[in-house]
Amino acid sequence: MAKELTESLEKYLLAICELLREQKSIKVKDVSSYLKIGGPATADAIKTLAARGFINYVPYGTISVTAKGASAIEIKRYRRNTISKFLNMVLDIPEKEAEKNAIAIEYSMTEDVLTKFVHFLDFMGQCSCKEPKWIKSCKSTLQDGKLSKKCQACGAEGRGCGCCGK
């Protein structure tokens, strides 16, 4: 079964939400102008979003976001922000590149894997440890291009981990 909200449809839904923050009411032509996409393509996407319950729309009328649409956007923004922060803060990916890659990551995973991945990143962000040792070791490895002696010891059979003490 295809995803209910594809990357393309999501762009339209995000645009609608942005426009509604700025204006009280919007029409298809507003979305079309905002995205710089032709009217017929925009109208088709709007009709699909309405049919799937993300927006309210009648031809030639105004567009509004449903509770389902608002919830979907909130989830999407949270996921992207969580992934983007991880890429930026842990992997030192520049912010704009992290945002772009967060979108690509989101659409490359199945829903269940994405949910677990975001929960893991969220957990790590809320963990009471200031920065787990493995994250510090990862950053060091990324910067130096090689494992530290402590990390090399982790892989040695029968030895405790030099990073976490286990």
N, C-alpha and C. Protein backbone atom coordinates (compact mmCIF):
# COMPACT_ATOMS: atom_id res chain seq x y z
N MET A 1 0.84 -1.20 0.00
CA MET A 1 0.00 0.00 0.00
C MET A 1 0.88 1.25 0.00
N ALA A 2 0.58 2.18 -0.84
CA ALA A 2 1.36 3.41 -0.96
C ALA A 2 1.19 4.27 0.29
N LYS A 3 2.21 5.06 0.59
CA LYS A 3 2.12 5.99 1.71
C LYS A 3 0.98 6.97 1.45
N GLU A 4 0.27 7.29 2.50
CA GLU A 4 -0.85 8.21 2.37
C GLU A 4 -0.38 9.63 2.06
N LEU A 5 0.78 9.97 2.59
CA LEU A 5 1.31 11.32 2.37
C LEU A 5 2.70 11.17 1.76
N THR A 6 2.76 11.27 0.44
CA THR A 6 4.02 11.16 -0.28
C THR A 6 4.84 12.43 -0.08
N GLU A 7 6.09 12.38 -0.49
CA GLU A 7 6.95 13.56 -0.37
C GLU A 7 6.36 14.74 -1.16
N SER A 8 5.84 14.46 -2.33
CA SER A 8 5.26 15.51 -3.15
C SER A 8 4.02 16.11 -2.48
N LEU A 9 3.12 15.26 -2.01
CA LEU A 9 1.91 15.76 -1.33
C LEU A 9 2.26 16.51 -0.05
N GLU A 10 3.29 16.04 0.61
CA GLU A 10 3.72 16.71 1.83
C GLU A 10 4.18 18.14 1.55
N LYS A 11 4.86 18.35 0.43
CA LYS A 11 5.29 19.70 0.06
C LYS A 11 4.09 20.63 -0.09
N TYR A 12 3.04 20.12 -0.70
CA TYR A 12 1.82 20.91 -0.84
C TYR A 12 1.19 21.20 0.52
N LEU A 13 1.12 20.19 1.36
CA LEU A 13 0.51 20.37 2.68
C LEU A 13 1.32 21.36 3.52
N LEU A 14 2.63 21.25 3.46
CA LEU A 14 3.49 22.20 4.19
C LEU A 14 3.28 23.62 3.66
N ALA A 15 3.18 23.75 2.35
CA ALA A 15 2.96 25.08 1.75
C ALA A 15 1.62 25.65 2.22
N ILE A 16 0.60 24.83 2.23
CA ILE A 16 -0.71 25.27 2.70
C ILE A 16 -0.63 25.77 4.14
N CYS A 17 0.05 25.03 4.99
CA CYS A 17 0.20 25.43 6.40
C CYS A 17 0.95 26.75 6.53
N GLU A 18 2.00 26.91 5.74
CA GLU A 18 2.77 28.16 5.78
C GLU A 18 1.92 29.33 5.32
N LEU A 19 1.21 29.14 4.24
CA LEU A 19 0.36 30.21 3.72
C LEU A 19 -0.75 30.58 4.71
N LEU A 20 -1.32 29.59 5.37
CA LEU A 20 -2.39 29.86 6.33
C LEU A 20 -1.88 30.57 7.59
N ARG A 21 -0.59 30.48 7.85
CA ARG A 21 -0.01 31.26 8.95
C ARG A 21 0.01 32.74 8.61
N GLU A 22 0.15 33.02 7.31
CA GLU A 22 0.28 34.40 6.83
C GLU A 22 -1.06 35.01 6.43
N GLN A 23 -2.00 34.19 5.98
CA GLN A 23 -3.27 34.68 5.45
C GLN A 23 -4.42 33.93 6.10
N LYS A 24 -5.58 34.59 6.16
CA LYS A 24 -6.76 33.95 6.74
C LYS A 24 -7.34 32.87 5.84
N SER A 25 -7.33 33.12 4.54
CA SER A 25 -7.85 32.12 3.62
C SER A 25 -6.97 32.06 2.38
N ILE A 26 -6.91 30.85 1.83
CA ILE A 26 -6.09 30.65 0.63
C ILE A 26 -6.86 29.82 -0.38
N LYS A 27 -6.43 29.93 -1.63
CA LYS A 27 -7.02 29.17 -2.73
C LYS A 27 -5.89 28.44 -3.46
N VAL A 28 -6.28 27.61 -4.42
CA VAL A 28 -5.31 26.83 -5.19
C VAL A 28 -4.26 27.73 -5.82
N LYS A 29 -4.68 28.88 -6.37
CA LYS A 29 -3.73 29.77 -7.05
C LYS A 29 -2.66 30.29 -6.08
N ASP A 30 -3.01 30.45 -4.79
CA ASP A 30 -2.03 30.90 -3.80
C ASP A 30 -0.96 29.83 -3.58
N VAL A 31 -1.41 28.59 -3.49
CA VAL A 31 -0.48 27.47 -3.30
C VAL A 31 0.40 27.33 -4.54
N SER A 32 -0.21 27.43 -5.70
CA SER A 32 0.51 27.33 -6.97
C SER A 32 1.59 28.40 -7.06
N SER A 33 1.24 29.63 -6.73
CA SER A 33 2.21 30.74 -6.77
C SER A 33 3.32 30.52 -5.75
N TYR A 34 2.95 30.11 -4.56
CA TYR A 34 3.92 29.91 -3.48
C TYR A 34 4.97 28.85 -3.86
N LEU A 35 4.50 27.76 -4.45
CA LEU A 35 5.41 26.67 -4.83
C LEU A 35 6.00 26.83 -6.22
N LYS A 36 5.48 27.82 -6.98
CA LYS A 36 5.92 28.03 -8.36
C LYS A 36 5.72 26.76 -9.20
N ILE A 37 4.52 26.20 -9.03
CA ILE A 37 4.12 24.99 -9.76
C ILE A 37 2.82 25.32 -10.49
N GLY A 38 2.64 24.76 -11.65
CA GLY A 38 1.45 25.04 -12.45
C GLY A 38 0.14 24.77 -11.73
N GLY A 39 -0.88 25.51 -12.12
CA GLY A 39 -2.20 25.39 -11.52
C GLY A 39 -2.82 24.01 -11.61
N PRO A 40 -2.79 23.36 -12.79
CA PRO A 40 -3.41 22.03 -12.89
C PRO A 40 -2.74 20.99 -11.98
N ALA A 41 -1.43 21.01 -11.90
CA ALA A 41 -0.72 20.06 -11.01
C ALA A 41 -1.07 20.35 -9.56
N THR A 42 -1.13 21.62 -9.21
CA THR A 42 -1.47 22.01 -7.85
C THR A 42 -2.91 21.60 -7.53
N ALA A 43 -3.82 21.84 -8.46
CA ALA A 43 -5.22 21.46 -8.25
C ALA A 43 -5.36 19.96 -8.03
N ASP A 44 -4.61 19.17 -8.79
CA ASP A 44 -4.65 17.70 -8.62
C ASP A 44 -4.15 17.30 -7.23
N ALA A 45 -3.06 17.91 -6.81
CA ALA A 45 -2.51 17.60 -5.49
C ALA A 45 -3.48 18.01 -4.39
N ILE A 46 -4.10 19.17 -4.54
CA ILE A 46 -5.07 19.67 -3.56
C ILE A 46 -6.26 18.70 -3.46
N LYS A 47 -6.74 18.25 -4.61
CA LYS A 47 -7.86 17.30 -4.63
C LYS A 47 -7.47 15.99 -3.94
N THR A 48 -6.25 15.54 -4.17
CA THR A 48 -5.78 14.30 -3.53
C THR A 48 -5.68 14.48 -2.01
N LEU A 49 -5.12 15.61 -1.59
CA LEU A 49 -5.03 15.88 -0.15
C LEU A 49 -6.41 15.93 0.50
N ALA A 50 -7.36 16.52 -0.21
CA ALA A 50 -8.73 16.59 0.31
C ALA A 50 -9.36 15.20 0.36
N ALA A 51 -9.16 14.41 -0.68
CA ALA A 51 -9.73 13.06 -0.73
C ALA A 51 -9.16 12.17 0.38
N ARG A 52 -7.92 12.43 0.76
CA ARG A 52 -7.27 11.64 1.81
C ARG A 52 -7.50 12.22 3.21
N GLY A 53 -8.24 13.31 3.28
CA GLY A 53 -8.64 13.86 4.57
C GLY A 53 -7.66 14.79 5.25
N PHE A 54 -6.65 15.28 4.52
CA PHE A 54 -5.66 16.18 5.12
C PHE A 54 -6.10 17.64 5.09
N ILE A 55 -6.95 17.96 4.13
CA ILE A 55 -7.44 19.34 4.01
C ILE A 55 -8.93 19.33 3.67
N ASN A 56 -9.54 20.47 3.87
CA ASN A 56 -10.91 20.71 3.40
C ASN A 56 -10.79 21.58 2.15
N TYR A 57 -11.50 21.17 1.10
CA TYR A 57 -11.45 21.93 -0.14
C TYR A 57 -12.62 21.57 -1.03
N VAL A 58 -13.22 22.56 -1.59
CA VAL A 58 -14.22 22.37 -2.66
C VAL A 58 -13.71 23.19 -3.84
N PRO A 59 -13.92 22.70 -5.07
CA PRO A 59 -13.41 23.44 -6.24
C PRO A 59 -13.79 24.92 -6.21
N TYR A 60 -12.79 25.74 -6.48
CA TYR A 60 -12.88 27.20 -6.52
C TYR A 60 -13.11 27.82 -5.14
N GLY A 61 -13.06 27.00 -4.11
CA GLY A 61 -13.26 27.51 -2.76
C GLY A 61 -11.93 27.68 -2.03
N THR A 62 -12.04 27.97 -0.75
CA THR A 62 -10.84 28.15 0.06
C THR A 62 -10.38 26.80 0.60
N ILE A 63 -9.15 26.79 1.07
CA ILE A 63 -8.52 25.58 1.59
C ILE A 63 -8.29 25.76 3.08
N SER A 64 -8.58 24.71 3.84
CA SER A 64 -8.25 24.71 5.27
C SER A 64 -7.66 23.35 5.62
N VAL A 65 -6.90 23.30 6.68
CA VAL A 65 -6.25 22.07 7.11
C VAL A 65 -7.13 21.38 8.13
N THR A 66 -7.30 20.07 7.98
CA THR A 66 -8.08 19.28 8.92
C THR A 66 -7.20 18.92 10.13
N ALA A 67 -7.82 18.36 11.14
CA ALA A 67 -7.06 17.89 12.31
C ALA A 67 -6.05 16.82 11.87
N LYS A 68 -6.46 15.96 10.93
CA LYS A 68 -5.56 14.93 10.41
C LYS A 68 -4.35 15.56 9.73
N GLY A 69 -4.60 16.60 8.94
CA GLY A 69 -3.51 17.29 8.25
C GLY A 69 -2.57 17.98 9.21
N ALA A 70 -3.13 18.66 10.20
CA ALA A 70 -2.31 19.35 11.21
C ALA A 70 -1.46 18.36 11.99
N SER A 71 -2.05 17.23 12.34
CA SER A 71 -1.31 16.19 13.07
C SER A 71 -0.18 15.62 12.22
N ALA A 72 -0.46 15.36 10.95
CA ALA A 72 0.57 14.83 10.04
C ALA A 72 1.74 15.79 9.91
N ILE A 73 1.45 17.07 9.77
CA ILE A 73 2.50 18.07 9.64
C ILE A 73 3.31 18.18 10.93
N GLU A 74 2.64 18.14 12.06
CA GLU A 74 3.34 18.21 13.34
C GLU A 74 4.30 17.04 13.50
N ILE A 75 3.85 15.85 13.15
CA ILE A 75 4.69 14.65 13.22
C ILE A 75 5.87 14.77 12.26
N LYS A 76 5.60 15.19 11.03
CA LYS A 76 6.66 15.33 10.03
C LYS A 76 7.71 16.34 10.48
N ARG A 77 7.27 17.48 10.96
CA ARG A 77 8.21 18.50 11.42
C ARG A 77 9.05 18.00 12.59
N TYR A 78 8.41 17.31 13.52
CA TYR A 78 9.13 16.78 14.68
C TYR A 78 10.19 15.76 14.24
N ARG A 79 9.79 14.84 13.36
CA ARG A 79 10.73 13.83 12.89
C ARG A 79 11.92 14.47 12.19
N ARG A 80 11.63 15.38 11.27
CA ARG A 80 12.71 16.04 10.52
C ARG A 80 13.62 16.82 11.45
N ASN A 81 13.05 17.52 12.38
CA ASN A 81 13.84 18.30 13.32
C ASN A 81 14.73 17.38 14.16
N THR A 82 14.18 16.27 14.62
CA THR A 82 14.95 15.32 15.44
C THR A 82 16.11 14.73 14.65
N ILE A 83 15.84 14.29 13.42
CA ILE A 83 16.88 13.71 12.57
C ILE A 83 17.91 14.77 12.21
N SER A 84 17.45 15.95 11.86
CA SER A 84 18.34 17.05 11.48
C SER A 84 19.27 17.43 12.64
N LYS A 85 18.72 17.52 13.83
CA LYS A 85 19.55 17.86 15.01
C LYS A 85 20.62 16.79 15.23
N PHE A 86 20.25 15.52 15.07
CA PHE A 86 21.22 14.44 15.23
C PHE A 86 22.35 14.58 14.20
N LEU A 87 21.97 14.78 12.95
CA LEU A 87 22.98 14.91 11.90
C LEU A 87 23.90 16.10 12.16
N ASN A 88 23.32 17.20 12.61
CA ASN A 88 24.08 18.41 12.86
C ASN A 88 24.93 18.29 14.12
N MET A 89 24.33 17.92 15.22
CA MET A 89 25.02 17.95 16.51
C MET A 89 25.95 16.76 16.75
N VAL A 90 25.58 15.58 16.26
CA VAL A 90 26.40 14.39 16.51
C VAL A 90 27.37 14.14 15.36
N LEU A 91 26.90 14.26 14.13
CA LEU A 91 27.75 13.96 12.98
C LEU A 91 28.40 15.19 12.37
N ASP A 92 28.15 16.36 12.96
CA ASP A 92 28.74 17.62 12.49
C ASP A 92 28.41 17.95 11.04
N ILE A 93 27.23 17.59 10.59
CA ILE A 93 26.79 17.94 9.25
C ILE A 93 26.27 19.37 9.33
N PRO A 94 26.68 20.26 8.41
CA PRO A 94 26.17 21.64 8.44
C PRO A 94 24.64 21.66 8.43
N GLU A 95 24.07 22.65 9.10
CA GLU A 95 22.63 22.72 9.34
C GLU A 95 21.77 22.55 8.09
N LYS A 96 22.05 23.31 7.05
CA LYS A 96 21.24 23.22 5.81
C LYS A 96 21.34 21.84 5.18
N GLU A 97 22.54 21.27 5.18
CA GLU A 97 22.75 19.94 4.62
C GLU A 97 22.05 18.89 5.48
N ALA A 98 22.08 19.10 6.79
CA ALA A 98 21.41 18.18 7.73
C ALA A 98 19.91 18.18 7.48
N GLU A 99 19.33 19.37 7.26
CA GLU A 99 17.89 19.47 6.98
C GLU A 99 17.52 18.75 5.70
N LYS A 100 18.32 18.95 4.66
CA LYS A 100 18.07 18.30 3.37
C LYS A 100 18.17 16.78 3.50
N ASN A 101 19.18 16.31 4.22
CA ASN A 101 19.36 14.87 4.38
C ASN A 101 18.33 14.25 5.31
N ALA A 102 17.83 15.03 6.26
CA ALA A 102 16.78 14.52 7.15
C ALA A 102 15.54 14.15 6.33
N ILE A 103 15.23 14.95 5.33
CA ILE A 103 14.09 14.66 4.45
C ILE A 103 14.35 13.37 3.67
N ALA A 104 15.56 13.24 3.14
CA ALA A 104 15.90 12.05 2.37
C ALA A 104 15.86 10.80 3.25
N ILE A 105 16.35 10.91 4.47
CA ILE A 105 16.32 9.78 5.40
C ILE A 105 14.88 9.40 5.70
N GLU A 106 14.06 10.39 5.96
CA GLU A 106 12.66 10.14 6.29
C GLU A 106 11.96 9.33 5.20
N TYR A 107 12.21 9.68 3.95
CA TYR A 107 11.53 9.00 2.86
C TYR A 107 12.22 7.71 2.41
N SER A 108 13.37 7.40 2.96
CA SER A 108 14.05 6.18 2.56
C SER A 108 13.74 5.01 3.49
N MET A 109 13.05 5.29 4.60
CA MET A 109 12.76 4.25 5.59
C MET A 109 11.28 3.87 5.56
N THR A 110 11.02 2.63 5.96
CA THR A 110 9.63 2.25 6.17
C THR A 110 9.12 2.96 7.42
N GLU A 111 7.83 3.06 7.54
CA GLU A 111 7.21 3.79 8.66
C GLU A 111 7.64 3.24 10.02
N ASP A 112 7.65 1.91 10.16
CA ASP A 112 8.01 1.33 11.46
C ASP A 112 9.47 1.57 11.81
N VAL A 113 10.36 1.47 10.84
CA VAL A 113 11.78 1.73 11.09
C VAL A 113 12.00 3.21 11.40
N LEU A 114 11.35 4.08 10.66
CA LEU A 114 11.47 5.51 10.90
C LEU A 114 11.00 5.87 12.31
N THR A 115 9.88 5.31 12.71
CA THR A 115 9.34 5.58 14.05
C THR A 115 10.34 5.15 15.13
N LYS A 116 10.90 3.95 14.99
CA LYS A 116 11.88 3.48 15.98
C LYS A 116 13.14 4.32 15.96
N PHE A 117 13.59 4.70 14.78
CA PHE A 117 14.78 5.53 14.64
C PHE A 117 14.59 6.88 15.34
N VAL A 118 13.46 7.52 15.09
CA VAL A 118 13.18 8.81 15.71
C VAL A 118 13.03 8.67 17.22
N HIS A 119 12.40 7.59 17.67
CA HIS A 119 12.28 7.36 19.12
C HIS A 119 13.67 7.20 19.75
N PHE A 120 14.56 6.48 19.06
CA PHE A 120 15.92 6.32 19.56
C PHE A 120 16.63 7.67 19.65
N LEU A 121 16.55 8.45 18.58
CA LEU A 121 17.20 9.76 18.59
C LEU A 121 16.60 10.68 19.64
N ASP A 122 15.28 10.60 19.80
CA ASP A 122 14.60 11.39 20.82
C ASP A 122 15.07 10.97 22.22
N PHE A 123 15.18 9.67 22.44
CA PHE A 123 15.67 9.16 23.72
C PHE A 123 17.08 9.68 23.99
N MET A 124 17.93 9.59 22.98
CA MET A 124 19.31 10.05 23.16
C MET A 124 19.35 11.54 23.46
N GLY A 125 18.45 12.30 22.86
CA GLY A 125 18.39 13.74 23.11
C GLY A 125 17.89 14.08 24.50
N GLN A 126 17.10 13.18 25.09
CA GLN A 126 16.54 13.43 26.41
C GLN A 126 17.28 12.69 27.52
N CYS A 127 18.24 11.86 27.14
CA CYS A 127 19.01 11.08 28.12
C CYS A 127 19.67 12.03 29.11
N SER A 128 19.70 11.63 30.36
CA SER A 128 20.27 12.51 31.40
C SER A 128 21.79 12.65 31.30
N CYS A 129 22.43 11.76 30.56
CA CYS A 129 23.87 11.90 30.34
C CYS A 129 24.09 13.13 29.46
N LYS A 130 25.03 13.97 29.81
CA LYS A 130 25.28 15.16 28.99
C LYS A 130 25.62 14.76 27.56
N GLU A 131 26.55 13.82 27.41
CA GLU A 131 26.90 13.30 26.10
C GLU A 131 27.48 11.91 26.34
N PRO A 132 26.74 10.86 25.95
CA PRO A 132 27.26 9.51 26.15
C PRO A 132 28.66 9.37 25.55
N LYS A 133 29.48 8.56 26.20
CA LYS A 133 30.87 8.40 25.76
C LYS A 133 30.97 7.93 24.31
N TRP A 134 30.04 7.09 23.88
CA TRP A 134 30.13 6.59 22.51
C TRP A 134 29.91 7.70 21.49
N ILE A 135 29.11 8.72 21.83
CA ILE A 135 28.93 9.84 20.91
C ILE A 135 30.22 10.64 20.82
N LYS A 136 30.85 10.88 21.96
CA LYS A 136 32.13 11.60 21.98
C LYS A 136 33.17 10.82 21.18
N SER A 137 33.20 9.50 21.36
CA SER A 137 34.15 8.66 20.63
C SER A 137 33.85 8.67 19.13
N CYS A 138 32.57 8.68 18.78
CA CYS A 138 32.18 8.74 17.37
C CYS A 138 32.64 10.05 16.75
N LYS A 139 32.42 11.16 17.44
CA LYS A 139 32.85 12.46 16.92
C LYS A 139 34.36 12.47 16.71
N SER A 140 35.09 11.91 17.66
CA SER A 140 36.55 11.85 17.56
C SER A 140 36.97 11.02 16.35
N THR A 141 36.30 9.89 16.16
CA THR A 141 36.61 9.02 15.02
C THR A 141 36.30 9.71 13.70
N LEU A 142 35.19 10.43 13.65
CA LEU A 142 34.84 11.16 12.43
C LEU A 142 35.87 12.25 12.12
N GLN A 143 36.35 12.90 13.17
CA GLN A 143 37.30 13.99 12.98
C GLN A 143 38.68 13.45 12.60
N ASP A 144 39.12 12.38 13.28
CA ASP A 144 40.47 11.85 13.05
C ASP A 144 40.54 10.83 11.92
N GLY A 145 39.39 10.24 11.59
CA GLY A 145 39.37 9.24 10.54
C GLY A 145 39.81 7.86 10.98
N LYS A 146 40.00 7.68 12.29
CA LYS A 146 40.38 6.36 12.79
C LYS A 146 39.88 6.19 14.22
N LEU A 147 39.73 4.94 14.60
CA LEU A 147 39.28 4.63 15.96
C LEU A 147 40.36 4.97 16.98
N SER A 148 39.92 5.45 18.12
CA SER A 148 40.88 5.70 19.21
C SER A 148 41.36 4.36 19.75
N LYS A 149 42.44 4.39 20.50
CA LYS A 149 42.96 3.15 21.09
C LYS A 149 41.94 2.52 22.03
N LYS A 150 41.19 3.37 22.74
CA LYS A 150 40.15 2.85 23.63
C LYS A 150 39.08 2.11 22.83
N CYS A 151 38.67 2.68 21.70
CA CYS A 151 37.65 2.05 20.88
C CYS A 151 38.17 0.77 20.21
N GLN A 152 39.45 0.78 19.85
CA GLN A 152 40.03 -0.42 19.26
C GLN A 152 40.01 -1.56 20.26
N ALA A 153 40.17 -1.22 21.54
CA ALA A 153 40.16 -2.23 22.60
C ALA A 153 38.77 -2.86 22.74
N CYS A 154 37.72 -2.11 22.38
CA CYS A 154 36.36 -2.63 22.46
C CYS A 154 36.19 -3.88 21.61
N GLY A 155 36.84 -3.88 20.45
CA GLY A 155 36.69 -4.99 19.52
C GLY A 155 37.57 -6.19 19.85
N ALA A 156 38.53 -5.99 20.73
CA ALA A 156 39.43 -7.10 21.07
C ALA A 156 38.68 -8.12 21.93
N GLU A 157 38.77 -9.36 21.54
CA GLU A 157 38.03 -10.42 22.22
C GLU A 157 38.48 -10.55 23.68
N GLY A 158 37.51 -10.67 24.55
CA GLY A 158 37.79 -10.89 25.96
C GLY A 158 38.19 -9.66 26.74
N ARG A 159 38.14 -8.48 26.15
CA ARG A 159 38.51 -7.27 26.85
C ARG A 159 37.27 -6.42 27.08
N GLY A 160 37.31 -5.62 28.11
CA GLY A 160 36.23 -4.70 28.39
C GLY A 160 36.30 -3.50 27.45
N CYS A 161 35.22 -2.79 27.39
CA CYS A 161 35.15 -1.62 26.51
C CYS A 161 35.88 -0.44 27.15
N GLY A 162 36.77 0.14 26.40
CA GLY A 162 37.49 1.32 26.88
C GLY A 162 36.66 2.59 26.84
N CYS A 163 35.58 2.57 26.08
CA CYS A 163 34.72 3.75 25.95
C CYS A 163 33.71 3.84 27.08
N CYS A 164 33.08 2.72 27.38
CA CYS A 164 31.98 2.78 28.34
C CYS A 164 32.28 2.01 29.62
N GLY A 165 33.40 1.31 29.68
CA GLY A 165 33.79 0.61 30.90
C GLY A 165 33.13 -0.76 31.05
N LYS A 166 32.37 -1.21 30.08
CA LYS A 166 31.70 -2.52 30.20
C LYS A 166 32.56 -3.62 29.62
